[in-house]
Amino acid sequence: MLETNFGELMEFPNSCPFKVIGTADDTLADRIVAVAQQLAPGDYAPTVKASSKGTYYAISIRITVTSKEHIEQVYTDLAAIEGVNRVL
């Protein structure tokens, strides 16, 4: 697990924005939503922006987290998706 201070800085539950940067792939947003659904079932409408050269996608999604451990799990699971370079 990650060692973060989220528990000290945030109140839970909290709808947190996550930005996922990954290789441009038309299925990337769907794979991110699938992980979000496993971690926190809900209706998701991510926004997708392509880089200027179209090589990467920046996908923004809001996920409701319930604890420090939950938010750390979201970061870990999103980062594990194939093609993801960074989770912010």
N, C-alpha and C. Protein backbone atom coordinates (compact mmCIF):
# COMPACT_ATOMS: atom_id res chain seq x y z
N MET A 1 0.84 -1.18 0.00
CA MET A 1 0.00 0.00 0.00
C MET A 1 0.89 1.24 0.00
N LEU A 2 0.35 2.31 -0.49
CA LEU A 2 1.08 3.57 -0.54
C LEU A 2 1.10 4.23 0.83
N GLU A 3 2.10 5.01 1.09
CA GLU A 3 2.18 5.76 2.35
C GLU A 3 1.83 7.22 2.05
N THR A 4 0.57 7.57 2.26
CA THR A 4 0.10 8.92 1.95
C THR A 4 -0.51 9.57 3.18
N ASN A 5 -0.81 10.84 3.07
CA ASN A 5 -1.46 11.60 4.15
C ASN A 5 -2.92 11.92 3.81
N PHE A 6 -3.51 11.18 2.90
CA PHE A 6 -4.88 11.48 2.48
C PHE A 6 -5.84 11.50 3.67
N GLY A 7 -5.65 10.60 4.62
CA GLY A 7 -6.53 10.54 5.78
C GLY A 7 -6.50 11.80 6.62
N GLU A 8 -5.39 12.50 6.60
CA GLU A 8 -5.25 13.74 7.37
C GLU A 8 -5.75 14.97 6.58
N LEU A 9 -5.76 14.86 5.27
CA LEU A 9 -6.04 16.00 4.42
C LEU A 9 -7.46 16.03 3.86
N MET A 10 -8.15 14.89 3.91
CA MET A 10 -9.45 14.80 3.26
C MET A 10 -10.51 14.26 4.20
N GLU A 11 -11.75 14.59 3.90
CA GLU A 11 -12.88 14.00 4.60
C GLU A 11 -13.50 12.97 3.65
N PHE A 12 -14.01 11.89 4.22
CA PHE A 12 -14.58 10.81 3.41
C PHE A 12 -16.03 10.59 3.77
N PRO A 13 -16.86 10.17 2.85
CA PRO A 13 -16.57 9.92 1.43
C PRO A 13 -16.29 11.22 0.68
N ASN A 14 -15.56 11.07 -0.42
CA ASN A 14 -15.14 12.23 -1.19
C ASN A 14 -15.10 11.86 -2.67
N SER A 15 -15.66 12.69 -3.51
CA SER A 15 -15.61 12.49 -4.94
C SER A 15 -14.31 13.10 -5.46
N CYS A 16 -13.36 12.24 -5.76
CA CYS A 16 -12.01 12.70 -6.14
C CYS A 16 -11.80 12.64 -7.65
N PRO A 17 -11.19 13.68 -8.18
CA PRO A 17 -10.84 13.63 -9.60
C PRO A 17 -9.52 12.87 -9.80
N PHE A 18 -9.49 12.04 -10.80
CA PHE A 18 -8.27 11.32 -11.18
C PHE A 18 -8.02 11.62 -12.64
N LYS A 19 -6.76 11.84 -12.99
CA LYS A 19 -6.38 12.03 -14.39
C LYS A 19 -5.42 10.90 -14.73
N VAL A 20 -5.78 10.16 -15.76
CA VAL A 20 -4.98 9.02 -16.20
C VAL A 20 -4.37 9.36 -17.55
N ILE A 21 -3.05 9.27 -17.64
CA ILE A 21 -2.33 9.54 -18.89
C ILE A 21 -1.88 8.19 -19.44
N GLY A 22 -2.24 7.93 -20.69
CA GLY A 22 -1.86 6.65 -21.27
C GLY A 22 -1.71 6.73 -22.78
N THR A 23 -1.21 5.65 -23.34
CA THR A 23 -1.03 5.54 -24.77
C THR A 23 -2.40 5.62 -25.45
N ALA A 24 -2.47 6.36 -26.53
CA ALA A 24 -3.74 6.54 -27.25
C ALA A 24 -4.27 5.19 -27.70
N ASP A 25 -5.44 4.84 -27.19
CA ASP A 25 -6.09 3.58 -27.51
C ASP A 25 -7.59 3.79 -27.27
N ASP A 26 -8.40 3.45 -28.24
CA ASP A 26 -9.83 3.69 -28.13
C ASP A 26 -10.49 2.93 -26.99
N THR A 27 -9.84 1.91 -26.45
CA THR A 27 -10.43 1.13 -25.36
C THR A 27 -9.96 1.59 -23.98
N LEU A 28 -9.03 2.54 -23.93
CA LEU A 28 -8.45 2.95 -22.65
C LEU A 28 -9.51 3.51 -21.70
N ALA A 29 -10.38 4.38 -22.17
CA ALA A 29 -11.41 4.96 -21.30
C ALA A 29 -12.33 3.87 -20.76
N ASP A 30 -12.69 2.90 -21.59
CA ASP A 30 -13.55 1.80 -21.14
C ASP A 30 -12.87 0.95 -20.07
N ARG A 31 -11.57 0.72 -20.23
CA ARG A 31 -10.84 -0.06 -19.23
C ARG A 31 -10.73 0.69 -17.91
N ILE A 32 -10.59 2.01 -17.98
CA ILE A 32 -10.54 2.83 -16.77
C ILE A 32 -11.89 2.80 -16.06
N VAL A 33 -12.97 2.92 -16.81
CA VAL A 33 -14.31 2.85 -16.23
C VAL A 33 -14.54 1.47 -15.60
N ALA A 34 -14.08 0.41 -16.23
CA ALA A 34 -14.25 -0.94 -15.68
C ALA A 34 -13.57 -1.07 -14.32
N VAL A 35 -12.37 -0.52 -14.19
CA VAL A 35 -11.67 -0.55 -12.90
C VAL A 35 -12.41 0.31 -11.89
N ALA A 36 -12.88 1.48 -12.30
CA ALA A 36 -13.64 2.35 -11.40
C ALA A 36 -14.89 1.63 -10.91
N GLN A 37 -15.58 0.91 -11.79
CA GLN A 37 -16.78 0.18 -11.41
C GLN A 37 -16.48 -0.90 -10.38
N GLN A 38 -15.35 -1.57 -10.50
CA GLN A 38 -14.97 -2.60 -9.53
C GLN A 38 -14.70 -1.98 -8.16
N LEU A 39 -14.09 -0.81 -8.15
CA LEU A 39 -13.69 -0.18 -6.90
C LEU A 39 -14.81 0.62 -6.25
N ALA A 40 -15.65 1.24 -7.05
CA ALA A 40 -16.74 2.08 -6.55
C ALA A 40 -17.84 2.12 -7.61
N PRO A 41 -18.77 1.16 -7.57
CA PRO A 41 -19.82 1.12 -8.58
C PRO A 41 -20.57 2.45 -8.68
N GLY A 42 -20.85 2.85 -9.92
CA GLY A 42 -21.54 4.11 -10.15
C GLY A 42 -21.62 4.42 -11.62
N ASP A 43 -22.17 5.57 -11.94
CA ASP A 43 -22.25 6.03 -13.32
C ASP A 43 -21.05 6.93 -13.59
N TYR A 44 -20.27 6.58 -14.59
CA TYR A 44 -19.06 7.33 -14.89
C TYR A 44 -19.12 7.91 -16.30
N ALA A 45 -18.68 9.14 -16.43
CA ALA A 45 -18.60 9.82 -17.72
C ALA A 45 -17.23 10.48 -17.84
N PRO A 46 -16.20 9.68 -18.14
CA PRO A 46 -14.86 10.26 -18.24
C PRO A 46 -14.74 11.19 -19.43
N THR A 47 -13.84 12.15 -19.30
CA THR A 47 -13.54 13.03 -20.44
C THR A 47 -12.18 12.60 -21.00
N VAL A 48 -12.09 12.58 -22.31
CA VAL A 48 -10.87 12.13 -22.99
C VAL A 48 -10.34 13.28 -23.83
N LYS A 49 -9.06 13.57 -23.64
CA LYS A 49 -8.39 14.59 -24.46
C LYS A 49 -7.13 13.95 -25.05
N ALA A 50 -6.97 14.13 -26.34
CA ALA A 50 -5.79 13.60 -27.02
C ALA A 50 -4.66 14.61 -26.94
N SER A 51 -3.43 14.11 -26.92
CA SER A 51 -2.27 15.00 -26.95
C SER A 51 -2.20 15.67 -28.32
N SER A 52 -1.37 16.68 -28.44
CA SER A 52 -1.29 17.44 -29.70
C SER A 52 -0.91 16.56 -30.88
N LYS A 53 -0.09 15.54 -30.66
CA LYS A 53 0.31 14.63 -31.73
C LYS A 53 -0.58 13.39 -31.79
N GLY A 54 -1.51 13.26 -30.84
CA GLY A 54 -2.41 12.12 -30.84
C GLY A 54 -1.79 10.84 -30.31
N THR A 55 -0.64 10.95 -29.68
CA THR A 55 0.07 9.78 -29.17
C THR A 55 -0.47 9.31 -27.83
N TYR A 56 -0.94 10.25 -27.03
CA TYR A 56 -1.41 9.94 -25.67
C TYR A 56 -2.82 10.48 -25.46
N TYR A 57 -3.52 9.86 -24.50
CA TYR A 57 -4.81 10.35 -24.04
C TYR A 57 -4.68 10.76 -22.60
N ALA A 58 -5.35 11.85 -22.25
CA ALA A 58 -5.51 12.26 -20.85
C ALA A 58 -6.98 12.05 -20.53
N ILE A 59 -7.25 11.13 -19.63
CA ILE A 59 -8.62 10.78 -19.29
C ILE A 59 -8.89 11.20 -17.86
N SER A 60 -9.91 12.05 -17.69
CA SER A 60 -10.29 12.53 -16.36
C SER A 60 -11.57 11.82 -15.93
N ILE A 61 -11.57 11.40 -14.65
CA ILE A 61 -12.72 10.69 -14.11
C ILE A 61 -12.83 11.02 -12.62
N ARG A 62 -14.05 11.12 -12.12
CA ARG A 62 -14.28 11.36 -10.69
C ARG A 62 -14.77 10.06 -10.08
N ILE A 63 -14.11 9.64 -9.00
CA ILE A 63 -14.46 8.41 -8.30
C ILE A 63 -14.69 8.75 -6.84
N THR A 64 -15.79 8.26 -6.27
CA THR A 64 -16.08 8.49 -4.86
C THR A 64 -15.31 7.48 -4.03
N VAL A 65 -14.42 8.00 -3.19
CA VAL A 65 -13.60 7.14 -2.32
C VAL A 65 -14.10 7.28 -0.89
N THR A 66 -13.91 6.22 -0.10
CA THR A 66 -14.46 6.18 1.25
C THR A 66 -13.42 6.19 2.36
N SER A 67 -12.14 6.07 1.98
CA SER A 67 -11.08 6.05 3.01
C SER A 67 -9.73 6.29 2.35
N LYS A 68 -8.73 6.49 3.19
CA LYS A 68 -7.35 6.65 2.72
C LYS A 68 -6.93 5.41 1.93
N GLU A 69 -7.25 4.24 2.46
CA GLU A 69 -6.87 2.99 1.80
C GLU A 69 -7.57 2.84 0.45
N HIS A 70 -8.81 3.29 0.40
CA HIS A 70 -9.58 3.20 -0.83
C HIS A 70 -8.96 4.07 -1.93
N ILE A 71 -8.59 5.29 -1.60
CA ILE A 71 -7.99 6.18 -2.61
C ILE A 71 -6.63 5.63 -3.06
N GLU A 72 -5.87 5.05 -2.14
CA GLU A 72 -4.59 4.44 -2.52
C GLU A 72 -4.81 3.26 -3.45
N GLN A 73 -5.86 2.48 -3.20
CA GLN A 73 -6.18 1.33 -4.06
C GLN A 73 -6.58 1.81 -5.46
N VAL A 74 -7.32 2.91 -5.53
CA VAL A 74 -7.70 3.46 -6.84
C VAL A 74 -6.44 3.84 -7.63
N TYR A 75 -5.52 4.55 -7.01
CA TYR A 75 -4.27 4.91 -7.69
C TYR A 75 -3.53 3.68 -8.17
N THR A 76 -3.41 2.68 -7.31
CA THR A 76 -2.67 1.45 -7.64
C THR A 76 -3.33 0.70 -8.78
N ASP A 77 -4.65 0.53 -8.72
CA ASP A 77 -5.35 -0.24 -9.74
C ASP A 77 -5.40 0.49 -11.08
N LEU A 78 -5.57 1.80 -11.07
CA LEU A 78 -5.55 2.54 -12.33
C LEU A 78 -4.17 2.49 -12.96
N ALA A 79 -3.13 2.58 -12.16
CA ALA A 79 -1.76 2.54 -12.68
C ALA A 79 -1.42 1.18 -13.29
N ALA A 80 -2.11 0.13 -12.86
CA ALA A 80 -1.83 -1.23 -13.33
C ALA A 80 -2.48 -1.53 -14.69
N ILE A 81 -3.32 -0.65 -15.18
CA ILE A 81 -3.98 -0.86 -16.46
C ILE A 81 -2.94 -0.79 -17.58
N GLU A 82 -3.01 -1.75 -18.49
CA GLU A 82 -2.07 -1.79 -19.61
C GLU A 82 -2.19 -0.51 -20.43
N GLY A 83 -1.06 0.12 -20.71
CA GLY A 83 -1.02 1.34 -21.51
C GLY A 83 -1.03 2.61 -20.70
N VAL A 84 -1.28 2.50 -19.38
CA VAL A 84 -1.30 3.69 -18.52
C VAL A 84 0.13 4.06 -18.16
N ASN A 85 0.47 5.33 -18.35
CA ASN A 85 1.80 5.82 -18.03
C ASN A 85 1.86 6.52 -16.67
N ARG A 86 0.75 7.20 -16.32
CA ARG A 86 0.76 7.99 -15.10
C ARG A 86 -0.67 8.19 -14.62
N VAL A 87 -0.82 8.25 -13.28
CA VAL A 87 -2.12 8.56 -12.67
C VAL A 87 -1.89 9.76 -11.75
N LEU A 88 -2.65 10.81 -11.97
CA LEU A 88 -2.53 12.04 -11.19
C LEU A 88 -3.80 12.28 -10.42
